[in-house]
Amino acid sequence: LVRRNGLAIATYGSLNNQAAHVKQQQIYGVDIVIVDDVRT
């Protein structure tokens, strides 16, 4: 919905430190994922 309005979408939050959630967001069309622990 956000992307259809011509906007980029980024997310933050503790769930982003889990690789599985990052991959899911790529599928959803999230442009940017902000993480605390890049290694995980």
PDB file of all heavy atoms in Angstrom:
ATOM      1  N   LEU A   1       0.839  -1.207   0.000  1.00  0.00           N
ATOM      2  CA  LEU A   1       0.000   0.000   0.000  1.00  0.00           C
ATOM      3  C   LEU A   1       0.873   1.257   0.000  1.00  0.00           C
ATOM      4  O   LEU A   1       0.609   2.211  -0.739  1.00  0.00           O
ATOM      5  CB  LEU A   1      -0.925  -0.001   1.218  1.00  0.00           C
ATOM      6  CG  LEU A   1      -1.751   1.274   1.447  1.00  0.00           C
ATOM      7  CD1 LEU A   1      -2.733   1.476   0.300  1.00  0.00           C
ATOM      8  CD2 LEU A   1      -2.489   1.209   2.778  1.00  0.00           C
ATOM      9  N   VAL A   2       1.914   1.242   0.819  1.00  0.00           N
ATOM     10  CA  VAL A   2       2.818   2.393   0.885  1.00  0.00           C
ATOM     11  C   VAL A   2       3.520   2.581  -0.451  1.00  0.00           C
ATOM     12  O   VAL A   2       3.613   3.688  -0.983  1.00  0.00           O
ATOM     13  CB  VAL A   2       3.852   2.209   2.017  1.00  0.00           C
ATOM     14  CG1 VAL A   2       4.880   3.339   1.993  1.00  0.00           C
ATOM     15  CG2 VAL A   2       3.157   2.156   3.378  1.00  0.00           C
ATOM     16  N   ARG A   3       3.977   1.494  -1.037  1.00  0.00           N
ATOM     17  CA  ARG A   3       4.711   1.576  -2.307  1.00  0.00           C
ATOM     18  C   ARG A   3       3.798   2.026  -3.451  1.00  0.00           C
ATOM     19  O   ARG A   3       4.234   2.735  -4.363  1.00  0.00           O
ATOM     20  CB  ARG A   3       5.353   0.223  -2.624  1.00  0.00           C
ATOM     21  CG  ARG A   3       6.509  -0.127  -1.694  1.00  0.00           C
ATOM     22  CD  ARG A   3       7.048  -1.516  -1.993  1.00  0.00           C
ATOM     23  NE  ARG A   3       7.574  -1.595  -3.342  1.00  0.00           N
ATOM     24  CZ  ARG A   3       8.846  -1.347  -3.662  1.00  0.00           C
ATOM     25  NH1 ARG A   3       9.705  -0.998  -2.720  1.00  0.00           N
ATOM     26  NH2 ARG A   3       9.255  -1.441  -4.911  1.00  0.00           N
ATOM     27  N   ARG A   4       2.531   1.614  -3.418  1.00  0.00           N
ATOM     28  CA  ARG A   4       1.601   2.042  -4.468  1.00  0.00           C
ATOM     29  C   ARG A   4       1.379   3.555  -4.449  1.00  0.00           C
ATOM     30  O   ARG A   4       0.957   4.141  -5.450  1.00  0.00           O
ATOM     31  CB  ARG A   4       0.254   1.315  -4.326  1.00  0.00           C
ATOM     32  CG  ARG A   4       0.278  -0.120  -4.800  1.00  0.00           C
ATOM     33  CD  ARG A   4      -1.138  -0.602  -5.119  1.00  0.00           C
ATOM     34  NE  ARG A   4      -2.033  -0.507  -3.992  1.00  0.00           N
ATOM     35  CZ  ARG A   4      -2.214  -1.467  -3.085  1.00  0.00           C
ATOM     36  NH1 ARG A   4      -1.528  -2.601  -3.172  1.00  0.00           N
ATOM     37  NH2 ARG A   4      -3.071  -1.307  -2.097  1.00  0.00           N
ATOM     38  N   ASN A   5       1.654   4.169  -3.305  1.00  0.00           N
ATOM     39  CA  ASN A   5       1.542   5.619  -3.199  1.00  0.00           C
ATOM     40  C   ASN A   5       2.831   6.318  -3.612  1.00  0.00           C
ATOM     41  O   ASN A   5       2.988   7.526  -3.394  1.00  0.00           O
ATOM     42  CB  ASN A   5       1.170   6.013  -1.765  1.00  0.00           C
ATOM     43  CG  ASN A   5      -0.316   5.870  -1.484  1.00  0.00           C
ATOM     44  OD1 ASN A   5      -1.094   6.761  -1.790  1.00  0.00           O
ATOM     45  ND2 ASN A   5      -0.714   4.724  -0.926  1.00  0.00           N
ATOM     46  N   GLY A   6       3.754   5.561  -4.185  1.00  0.00           N
ATOM     47  CA  GLY A   6       4.997   6.147  -4.669  1.00  0.00           C
ATOM     48  C   GLY A   6       6.003   6.457  -3.591  1.00  0.00           C
ATOM     49  O   GLY A   6       6.892   7.293  -3.780  1.00  0.00           O
ATOM     50  N   LEU A   7       5.888   5.797  -2.440  1.00  0.00           N
ATOM     51  CA  LEU A   7       6.766   6.062  -1.311  1.00  0.00           C
ATOM     52  C   LEU A   7       7.640   4.857  -1.007  1.00  0.00           C
ATOM     53  O   LEU A   7       7.242   3.711  -1.229  1.00  0.00           O
ATOM     54  CB  LEU A   7       5.943   6.403  -0.062  1.00  0.00           C
ATOM     55  CG  LEU A   7       4.998   7.604  -0.171  1.00  0.00           C
ATOM     56  CD1 LEU A   7       4.121   7.683   1.077  1.00  0.00           C
ATOM     57  CD2 LEU A   7       5.781   8.902  -0.358  1.00  0.00           C
ATOM     58  N   ALA A   8       8.820   5.127  -0.484  1.00  0.00           N
ATOM     59  CA  ALA A   8       9.675   4.057   0.027  1.00  0.00           C
ATOM     60  C   ALA A   8       9.203   3.683   1.427  1.00  0.00           C
ATOM     61  O   ALA A   8       8.605   4.501   2.136  1.00  0.00           O
ATOM     62  CB  ALA A   8      11.124   4.512   0.056  1.00  0.00           C
ATOM     63  N   ILE A   9       9.479   2.458   1.835  1.00  0.00           N
ATOM     64  CA  ILE A   9       9.106   2.025   3.175  1.00  0.00           C
ATOM     65  C   ILE A   9      10.287   1.334   3.838  1.00  0.00           C
ATOM     66  O   ILE A   9      10.961   0.505   3.233  1.00  0.00           O
ATOM     67  CB  ILE A   9       7.873   1.087   3.162  1.00  0.00           C
ATOM     68  CG1 ILE A   9       7.523   0.653   4.596  1.00  0.00           C
ATOM     69  CG2 ILE A   9       8.089  -0.106   2.249  1.00  0.00           C
ATOM     70  CD1 ILE A   9       6.193  -0.062   4.719  1.00  0.00           C
ATOM     71  N   ALA A  10      10.555   1.746   5.069  1.00  0.00           N
ATOM     72  CA  ALA A  10      11.608   1.143   5.882  1.00  0.00           C
ATOM     73  C   ALA A  10      11.000   0.715   7.208  1.00  0.00           C
ATOM     74  O   ALA A  10       9.945   1.216   7.606  1.00  0.00           O
ATOM     75  CB  ALA A  10      12.738   2.144   6.117  1.00  0.00           C
ATOM     76  N   THR A  11      11.656  -0.216   7.881  1.00  0.00           N
ATOM     77  CA  THR A  11      11.162  -0.687   9.176  1.00  0.00           C
ATOM     78  C   THR A  11      12.286  -0.707  10.201  1.00  0.00           C
ATOM     79  O   THR A  11      13.466  -0.797   9.858  1.00  0.00           O
ATOM     80  CB  THR A  11      10.563  -2.099   9.086  1.00  0.00           C
ATOM     81  OG1 THR A  11      11.594  -3.038   8.730  1.00  0.00           O
ATOM     82  CG2 THR A  11       9.432  -2.164   8.077  1.00  0.00           C
ATOM     83  N   TYR A  12      11.886  -0.607  11.460  1.00  0.00           N
ATOM     84  CA  TYR A  12      12.832  -0.752  12.574  1.00  0.00           C
ATOM     85  C   TYR A  12      12.146  -1.577  13.655  1.00  0.00           C
ATOM     86  O   TYR A  12      10.914  -1.744  13.646  1.00  0.00           O
ATOM     87  CB  TYR A  12      13.247   0.619  13.130  1.00  0.00           C
ATOM     88  CG  TYR A  12      12.145   1.338  13.870  1.00  0.00           C
ATOM     89  CD1 TYR A  12      11.976   1.189  15.246  1.00  0.00           C
ATOM     90  CD2 TYR A  12      11.235   2.158  13.184  1.00  0.00           C
ATOM     91  CE1 TYR A  12      10.942   1.845  15.916  1.00  0.00           C
ATOM     92  CE2 TYR A  12      10.215   2.812  13.846  1.00  0.00           C
ATOM     93  CZ  TYR A  12      10.078   2.658  15.212  1.00  0.00           C
ATOM     94  OH  TYR A  12       9.050   3.297  15.875  1.00  0.00           O
ATOM     95  N   GLY A  13      12.893  -2.083  14.617  1.00  0.00           N
ATOM     96  CA  GLY A  13      12.314  -2.869  15.705  1.00  0.00           C
ATOM     97  C   GLY A  13      13.109  -4.135  15.944  1.00  0.00           C
ATOM     98  O   GLY A  13      13.892  -4.584  15.095  1.00  0.00           O
ATOM     99  N   SER A  14      12.899  -4.741  17.103  1.00  0.00           N
ATOM    100  CA  SER A  14      13.698  -5.906  17.502  1.00  0.00           C
ATOM    101  C   SER A  14      13.516  -7.102  16.576  1.00  0.00           C
ATOM    102  O   SER A  14      14.431  -7.914  16.417  1.00  0.00           O
ATOM    103  CB  SER A  14      13.359  -6.298  18.950  1.00  0.00           C
ATOM    104  OG  SER A  14      11.968  -6.584  19.072  1.00  0.00           O
ATOM    105  N   LEU A  15      12.342  -7.237  15.953  1.00  0.00           N
ATOM    106  CA  LEU A  15      12.134  -8.355  15.028  1.00  0.00           C
ATOM    107  C   LEU A  15      13.113  -8.316  13.852  1.00  0.00           C
ATOM    108  O   LEU A  15      13.411  -9.354  13.256  1.00  0.00           O
ATOM    109  CB  LEU A  15      10.696  -8.348  14.491  1.00  0.00           C
ATOM    110  CG  LEU A  15       9.594  -8.829  15.429  1.00  0.00           C
ATOM    111  CD1 LEU A  15       8.234  -8.722  14.741  1.00  0.00           C
ATOM    112  CD2 LEU A  15       9.842 -10.274  15.867  1.00  0.00           C
ATOM    113  N   ASN A  16      13.614  -7.150  13.539  1.00  0.00           N
ATOM    114  CA  ASN A  16      14.534  -7.021  12.414  1.00  0.00           C
ATOM    115  C   ASN A  16      15.898  -7.643  12.686  1.00  0.00           C
ATOM    116  O   ASN A  16      16.713  -7.769  11.779  1.00  0.00           O
ATOM    117  CB  ASN A  16      14.719  -5.547  12.036  1.00  0.00           C
ATOM    118  CG  ASN A  16      13.518  -4.983  11.321  1.00  0.00           C
ATOM    119  OD1 ASN A  16      12.562  -5.692  11.028  1.00  0.00           O
ATOM    120  ND2 ASN A  16      13.540  -3.686  11.047  1.00  0.00           N
ATOM    121  N   ASN A  17      16.152  -8.027  13.931  1.00  0.00           N
ATOM    122  CA  ASN A  17      17.407  -8.697  14.242  1.00  0.00           C
ATOM    123  C   ASN A  17      17.348 -10.191  13.939  1.00  0.00           C
ATOM    124  O   ASN A  17      18.336 -10.900  14.117  1.00  0.00           O
ATOM    125  CB  ASN A  17      17.771  -8.479  15.714  1.00  0.00           C
ATOM    126  CG  ASN A  17      18.086  -7.018  16.013  1.00  0.00           C
ATOM    127  OD1 ASN A  17      18.652  -6.324  15.173  1.00  0.00           O
ATOM    128  ND2 ASN A  17      17.699  -6.555  17.183  1.00  0.00           N
ATOM    129  N   GLN A  18      16.195 -10.663  13.479  1.00  0.00           N
ATOM    130  CA  GLN A  18      16.036 -12.068  13.110  1.00  0.00           C
ATOM    131  C   GLN A  18      16.031 -12.195  11.593  1.00  0.00           C
ATOM    132  O   GLN A  18      15.214 -11.579  10.906  1.00  0.00           O
ATOM    133  CB  GLN A  18      14.734 -12.614  13.691  1.00  0.00           C
ATOM    134  CG  GLN A  18      14.639 -12.493  15.217  1.00  0.00           C
ATOM    135  CD  GLN A  18      13.287 -12.937  15.749  1.00  0.00           C
ATOM    136  OE1 GLN A  18      12.607 -13.765  15.141  1.00  0.00           O
ATOM    137  NE2 GLN A  18      12.901 -12.394  16.897  1.00  0.00           N
ATOM    138  N   ALA A  19      16.965 -12.980  11.085  1.00  0.00           N
ATOM    139  CA  ALA A  19      17.161 -13.096   9.633  1.00  0.00           C
ATOM    140  C   ALA A  19      15.876 -13.510   8.921  1.00  0.00           C
ATOM    141  O   ALA A  19      15.588 -13.035   7.813  1.00  0.00           O
ATOM    142  CB  ALA A  19      18.282 -14.091   9.338  1.00  0.00           C
ATOM    143  N   ALA A  20      15.087 -14.376   9.528  1.00  0.00           N
ATOM    144  CA  ALA A  20      13.861 -14.844   8.886  1.00  0.00           C
ATOM    145  C   ALA A  20      12.891 -13.687   8.635  1.00  0.00           C
ATOM    146  O   ALA A  20      12.233 -13.627   7.583  1.00  0.00           O
ATOM    147  CB  ALA A  20      13.190 -15.908   9.758  1.00  0.00           C
ATOM    148  N   HIS A  21      12.783 -12.773   9.582  1.00  0.00           N
ATOM    149  CA  HIS A  21      11.881 -11.627   9.421  1.00  0.00           C
ATOM    150  C   HIS A  21      12.393 -10.668   8.355  1.00  0.00           C
ATOM    151  O   HIS A  21      11.597 -10.054   7.635  1.00  0.00           O
ATOM    152  CB  HIS A  21      11.703 -10.898  10.755  1.00  0.00           C
ATOM    153  CG  HIS A  21      10.782 -11.605  11.707  1.00  0.00           C
ATOM    154  ND1 HIS A  21       9.412 -11.539  11.592  1.00  0.00           N
ATOM    155  CD2 HIS A  21      11.035 -12.401  12.775  1.00  0.00           C
ATOM    156  CE1 HIS A  21       8.856 -12.258  12.557  1.00  0.00           C
ATOM    157  NE2 HIS A  21       9.823 -12.788  13.289  1.00  0.00           N
ATOM    158  N   VAL A  22      13.710 -10.538   8.245  1.00  0.00           N
ATOM    159  CA  VAL A  22      14.278  -9.680   7.205  1.00  0.00           C
ATOM    160  C   VAL A  22      13.945 -10.232   5.825  1.00  0.00           C
ATOM    161  O   VAL A  22      13.526  -9.507   4.918  1.00  0.00           O
ATOM    162  CB  VAL A  22      15.806  -9.557   7.378  1.00  0.00           C
ATOM    163  CG1 VAL A  22      16.424  -8.795   6.204  1.00  0.00           C
ATOM    164  CG2 VAL A  22      16.136  -8.844   8.693  1.00  0.00           C
ATOM    165  N   LYS A  23      14.089 -11.540   5.653  1.00  0.00           N
ATOM    166  CA  LYS A  23      13.791 -12.166   4.358  1.00  0.00           C
ATOM    167  C   LYS A  23      12.313 -12.034   4.015  1.00  0.00           C
ATOM    168  O   LYS A  23      11.950 -11.806   2.854  1.00  0.00           O
ATOM    169  CB  LYS A  23      14.206 -13.634   4.399  1.00  0.00           C
ATOM    170  CG  LYS A  23      15.716 -13.843   4.490  1.00  0.00           C
ATOM    171  CD  LYS A  23      16.092 -15.313   4.573  1.00  0.00           C
ATOM    172  CE  LYS A  23      17.597 -15.493   4.662  1.00  0.00           C
ATOM    173  NZ  LYS A  23      17.972 -16.932   4.809  1.00  0.00           N
ATOM    174  N   GLN A  24      11.458 -12.178   5.017  1.00  0.00           N
ATOM    175  CA  GLN A  24      10.024 -12.031   4.770  1.00  0.00           C
ATOM    176  C   GLN A  24       9.690 -10.618   4.299  1.00  0.00           C
ATOM    177  O   GLN A  24       8.891 -10.423   3.392  1.00  0.00           O
ATOM    178  CB  GLN A  24       9.234 -12.349   6.043  1.00  0.00           C
ATOM    179  CG  GLN A  24       9.088 -13.829   6.343  1.00  0.00           C
ATOM    180  CD  GLN A  24       8.288 -14.532   5.248  1.00  0.00           C
ATOM    181  OE1 GLN A  24       8.825 -15.375   4.524  1.00  0.00           O
ATOM    182  NE2 GLN A  24       7.018 -14.191   5.121  1.00  0.00           N
ATOM    183  N   GLN A  25      10.337  -9.632   4.897  1.00  0.00           N
ATOM    184  CA  GLN A  25      10.063  -8.249   4.522  1.00  0.00           C
ATOM    185  C   GLN A  25      10.531  -7.945   3.103  1.00  0.00           C
ATOM    186  O   GLN A  25       9.928  -7.123   2.403  1.00  0.00           O
ATOM    187  CB  GLN A  25      10.723  -7.295   5.522  1.00  0.00           C
ATOM    188  CG  GLN A  25      10.041  -7.311   6.889  1.00  0.00           C
ATOM    189  CD  GLN A  25      10.721  -6.379   7.865  1.00  0.00           C
ATOM    190  OE1 GLN A  25      10.629  -5.162   7.743  1.00  0.00           O
ATOM    191  NE2 GLN A  25      11.415  -6.954   8.843  1.00  0.00           N
ATOM    192  N   GLN A  26      11.589  -8.606   2.675  1.00  0.00           N
ATOM    193  CA  GLN A  26      12.015  -8.454   1.280  1.00  0.00           C
ATOM    194  C   GLN A  26      10.925  -8.962   0.342  1.00  0.00           C
ATOM    195  O   GLN A  26      10.658  -8.346  -0.701  1.00  0.00           O
ATOM    196  CB  GLN A  26      13.318  -9.224   1.050  1.00  0.00           C
ATOM    197  CG  GLN A  26      14.521  -8.606   1.747  1.00  0.00           C
ATOM    198  CD  GLN A  26      15.786  -9.436   1.563  1.00  0.00           C
ATOM    199  OE1 GLN A  26      15.719 -10.606   1.197  1.00  0.00           O
ATOM    200  NE2 GLN A  26      16.932  -8.838   1.818  1.00  0.00           N
ATOM    201  N   ILE A  27      10.294 -10.031   0.728  1.00  0.00           N
ATOM    202  CA  ILE A  27       9.192 -10.579  -0.077  1.00  0.00           C
ATOM    203  C   ILE A  27       8.002  -9.609  -0.070  1.00  0.00           C
ATOM    204  O   ILE A  27       7.341  -9.410  -1.093  1.00  0.00           O
ATOM    205  CB  ILE A  27       8.767 -11.961   0.462  1.00  0.00           C
ATOM    206  CG1 ILE A  27       9.921 -12.961   0.313  1.00  0.00           C
ATOM    207  CG2 ILE A  27       7.522 -12.468  -0.255  1.00  0.00           C
ATOM    208  CD1 ILE A  27       9.659 -14.300   0.981  1.00  0.00           C
ATOM    209  N   TYR A  28       7.753  -8.985   1.074  1.00  0.00           N
ATOM    210  CA  TYR A  28       6.628  -8.063   1.184  1.00  0.00           C
ATOM    211  C   TYR A  28       6.848  -6.784   0.372  1.00  0.00           C
ATOM    212  O   TYR A  28       5.889  -6.077   0.057  1.00  0.00           O
ATOM    213  CB  TYR A  28       6.394  -7.653   2.648  1.00  0.00           C
ATOM    214  CG  TYR A  28       6.082  -8.795   3.585  1.00  0.00           C
ATOM    215  CD1 TYR A  28       6.336  -8.679   4.951  1.00  0.00           C
ATOM    216  CD2 TYR A  28       5.548  -9.999   3.121  1.00  0.00           C
ATOM    217  CE1 TYR A  28       6.055  -9.710   5.831  1.00  0.00           C
ATOM    218  CE2 TYR A  28       5.282 -11.041   3.990  1.00  0.00           C
ATOM    219  CZ  TYR A  28       5.537 -10.902   5.346  1.00  0.00           C
ATOM    220  OH  TYR A  28       5.269 -11.924   6.216  1.00  0.00           O
ATOM    221  N   GLY A  29       8.100  -6.479   0.034  1.00  0.00           N
ATOM    222  CA  GLY A  29       8.392  -5.263  -0.711  1.00  0.00           C
ATOM    223  C   GLY A  29       8.955  -4.134   0.132  1.00  0.00           C
ATOM    224  O   GLY A  29       8.983  -2.986  -0.316  1.00  0.00           O
ATOM    225  N   VAL A  30       9.418  -4.443   1.354  1.00  0.00           N
ATOM    226  CA  VAL A  30      10.030  -3.418   2.201  1.00  0.00           C
ATOM    227  C   VAL A  30      11.376  -3.017   1.591  1.00  0.00           C
ATOM    228  O   VAL A  30      12.176  -3.874   1.223  1.00  0.00           O
ATOM    229  CB  VAL A  30      10.216  -3.937   3.643  1.00  0.00           C
ATOM    230  CG1 VAL A  30      11.017  -2.949   4.478  1.00  0.00           C
ATOM    231  CG2 VAL A  30       8.852  -4.201   4.288  1.00  0.00           C
ATOM    232  N   ASP A  31      11.620  -1.721   1.482  1.00  0.00           N
ATOM    233  CA  ASP A  31      12.833  -1.221   0.838  1.00  0.00           C
ATOM    234  C   ASP A  31      14.058  -1.272   1.733  1.00  0.00           C
ATOM    235  O   ASP A  31      15.153  -1.580   1.284  1.00  0.00           O
ATOM    236  CB  ASP A  31      12.620   0.234   0.386  1.00  0.00           C
ATOM    237  CG  ASP A  31      11.553   0.354  -0.681  1.00  0.00           C
ATOM    238  OD1 ASP A  31      11.762  -0.154  -1.786  1.00  0.00           O
ATOM    239  OD2 ASP A  31      10.493   0.966  -0.399  1.00  0.00           O
ATOM    240  N   ILE A  32      13.867  -0.906   2.993  1.00  0.00           N
ATOM    241  CA  ILE A  32      14.997  -0.768   3.921  1.00  0.00           C
ATOM    242  C   ILE A  32      14.646  -1.440   5.238  1.00  0.00           C
ATOM    243  O   ILE A  32      13.551  -1.241   5.773  1.00  0.00           O
ATOM    244  CB  ILE A  32      15.316   0.715   4.190  1.00  0.00           C
ATOM    245  CG1 ILE A  32      15.618   1.449   2.876  1.00  0.00           C
ATOM    246  CG2 ILE A  32      16.489   0.871   5.147  1.00  0.00           C
ATOM    247  CD1 ILE A  32      15.664   2.962   3.031  1.00  0.00           C
ATOM    248  N   VAL A  33      15.579  -2.232   5.770  1.00  0.00           N
ATOM    249  CA  VAL A  33      15.402  -2.860   7.072  1.00  0.00           C
ATOM    250  C   VAL A  33      16.517  -2.362   7.983  1.00  0.00           C
ATOM    251  O   VAL A  33      17.700  -2.594   7.701  1.00  0.00           O
ATOM    252  CB  VAL A  33      15.429  -4.400   6.975  1.00  0.00           C
ATOM    253  CG1 VAL A  33      15.355  -5.025   8.353  1.00  0.00           C
ATOM    254  CG2 VAL A  33      14.291  -4.894   6.100  1.00  0.00           C
ATOM    255  N   ILE A  34      16.164  -1.685   9.060  1.00  0.00           N
ATOM    256  CA  ILE A  34      17.131  -1.153  10.007  1.00  0.00           C
ATOM    257  C   ILE A  34      17.313  -2.174  11.120  1.00  0.00           C
ATOM    258  O   ILE A  34      16.349  -2.603  11.752  1.00  0.00           O
ATOM    259  CB  ILE A  34      16.655   0.194  10.591  1.00  0.00           C
ATOM    260  CG1 ILE A  34      16.485   1.208   9.447  1.00  0.00           C
ATOM    261  CG2 ILE A  34      17.630   0.726  11.625  1.00  0.00           C
ATOM    262  CD1 ILE A  34      15.844   2.510   9.893  1.00  0.00           C
ATOM    263  N   VAL A  35      18.567  -2.577  11.347  1.00  0.00           N
ATOM    264  CA  VAL A  35      18.840  -3.620  12.338  1.00  0.00           C
ATOM    265  C   VAL A  35      19.818  -3.129  13.378  1.00  0.00           C
ATOM    266  O   VAL A  35      20.589  -2.201  13.154  1.00  0.00           O
ATOM    267  CB  VAL A  35      19.401  -4.894  11.651  1.00  0.00           C
ATOM    268  CG1 VAL A  35      18.432  -5.414  10.610  1.00  0.00           C
ATOM    269  CG2 VAL A  35      20.765  -4.625  11.019  1.00  0.00           C
ATOM    270  N   ASP A  36      19.790  -3.793  14.548  1.00  0.00           N
ATOM    271  CA  ASP A  36      20.760  -3.491  15.606  1.00  0.00           C
ATOM    272  C   ASP A  36      21.997  -4.363  15.459  1.00  0.00           C
ATOM    273  O   ASP A  36      23.098  -3.937  15.752  1.00  0.00           O
ATOM    274  CB  ASP A  36      20.130  -3.720  16.982  1.00  0.00           C
ATOM    275  CG  ASP A  36      18.938  -2.811  17.218  1.00  0.00           C
ATOM    276  OD1 ASP A  36      19.058  -1.608  16.919  1.00  0.00           O
ATOM    277  OD2 ASP A  36      17.907  -3.301  17.684  1.00  0.00           O
ATOM    278  N   ASP A  37      21.803  -5.598  15.036  1.00  0.00           N
ATOM    279  CA  ASP A  37      22.907  -6.556  14.930  1.00  0.00           C
ATOM    280  C   ASP A  37      22.997  -7.038  13.487  1.00  0.00           C
ATOM    281  O   ASP A  37      22.245  -7.924  13.060  1.00  0.00           O
ATOM    282  CB  ASP A  37      22.669  -7.741  15.871  1.00  0.00           C
ATOM    283  CG  ASP A  37      23.895  -8.624  16.003  1.00  0.00           C
ATOM    284  OD1 ASP A  37      24.773  -8.570  15.107  1.00  0.00           O
ATOM    285  OD2 ASP A  37      24.004  -9.372  16.992  1.00  0.00           O
ATOM    286  N   VAL A  38      23.883  -6.436  12.714  1.00  0.00           N
ATOM    287  CA  VAL A  38      23.998  -6.764  11.289  1.00  0.00           C
ATOM    288  C   VAL A  38      24.431  -8.207  11.099  1.00  0.00           C
ATOM    289  O   VAL A  38      24.034  -8.876  10.142  1.00  0.00           O
ATOM    290  CB  VAL A  38      25.003  -5.815  10.602  1.00  0.00           C
ATOM    291  CG1 VAL A  38      25.182  -6.173   9.129  1.00  0.00           C
ATOM    292  CG2 VAL A  38      24.544  -4.380  10.738  1.00  0.00           C
ATOM    293  N   ARG A  39      25.200  -8.741  12.027  1.00  0.00           N
ATOM    294  CA  ARG A  39      25.702 -10.109  11.874  1.00  0.00           C
ATOM    295  C   ARG A  39      24.597 -11.147  11.874  1.00  0.00           C
ATOM    296  O   ARG A  39      24.651 -12.117  11.124  1.00  0.00           O
ATOM    297  CB  ARG A  39      26.701 -10.422  13.012  1.00  0.00           C
ATOM    298  CG  ARG A  39      27.978  -9.596  12.967  1.00  0.00           C
ATOM    299  CD  ARG A  39      28.766  -9.786  14.244  1.00  0.00           C
ATOM    300  NE  ARG A  39      27.989  -9.382  15.415  1.00  0.00           N
ATOM    301  CZ  ARG A  39      28.422  -9.520  16.665  1.00  0.00           C
ATOM    302  NH1 ARG A  39      29.612 -10.047  16.889  1.00  0.00           N
ATOM    303  NH2 ARG A  39      27.677  -9.125  17.678  1.00  0.00           N
ATOM    304  N   THR A  40      23.578 -10.945  12.715  1.00  0.00           N
ATOM    305  CA  THR A  40      22.513 -11.944  12.796  1.00  0.00           C
ATOM    306  C   THR A  40      21.452 -11.716  11.728  1.00  0.00           C
ATOM    307  O   THR A  40      20.771 -12.629  11.291  1.00  0.00           O
ATOM    308  CB  THR A  40      21.839 -11.926  14.182  1.00  0.00           C
ATOM    309  OG1 THR A  40      21.313 -10.617  14.421  1.00  0.00           O
ATOM    310  CG2 THR A  40      22.862 -12.272  15.253  1.00  0.00           C
TER     311      THR A  40
END
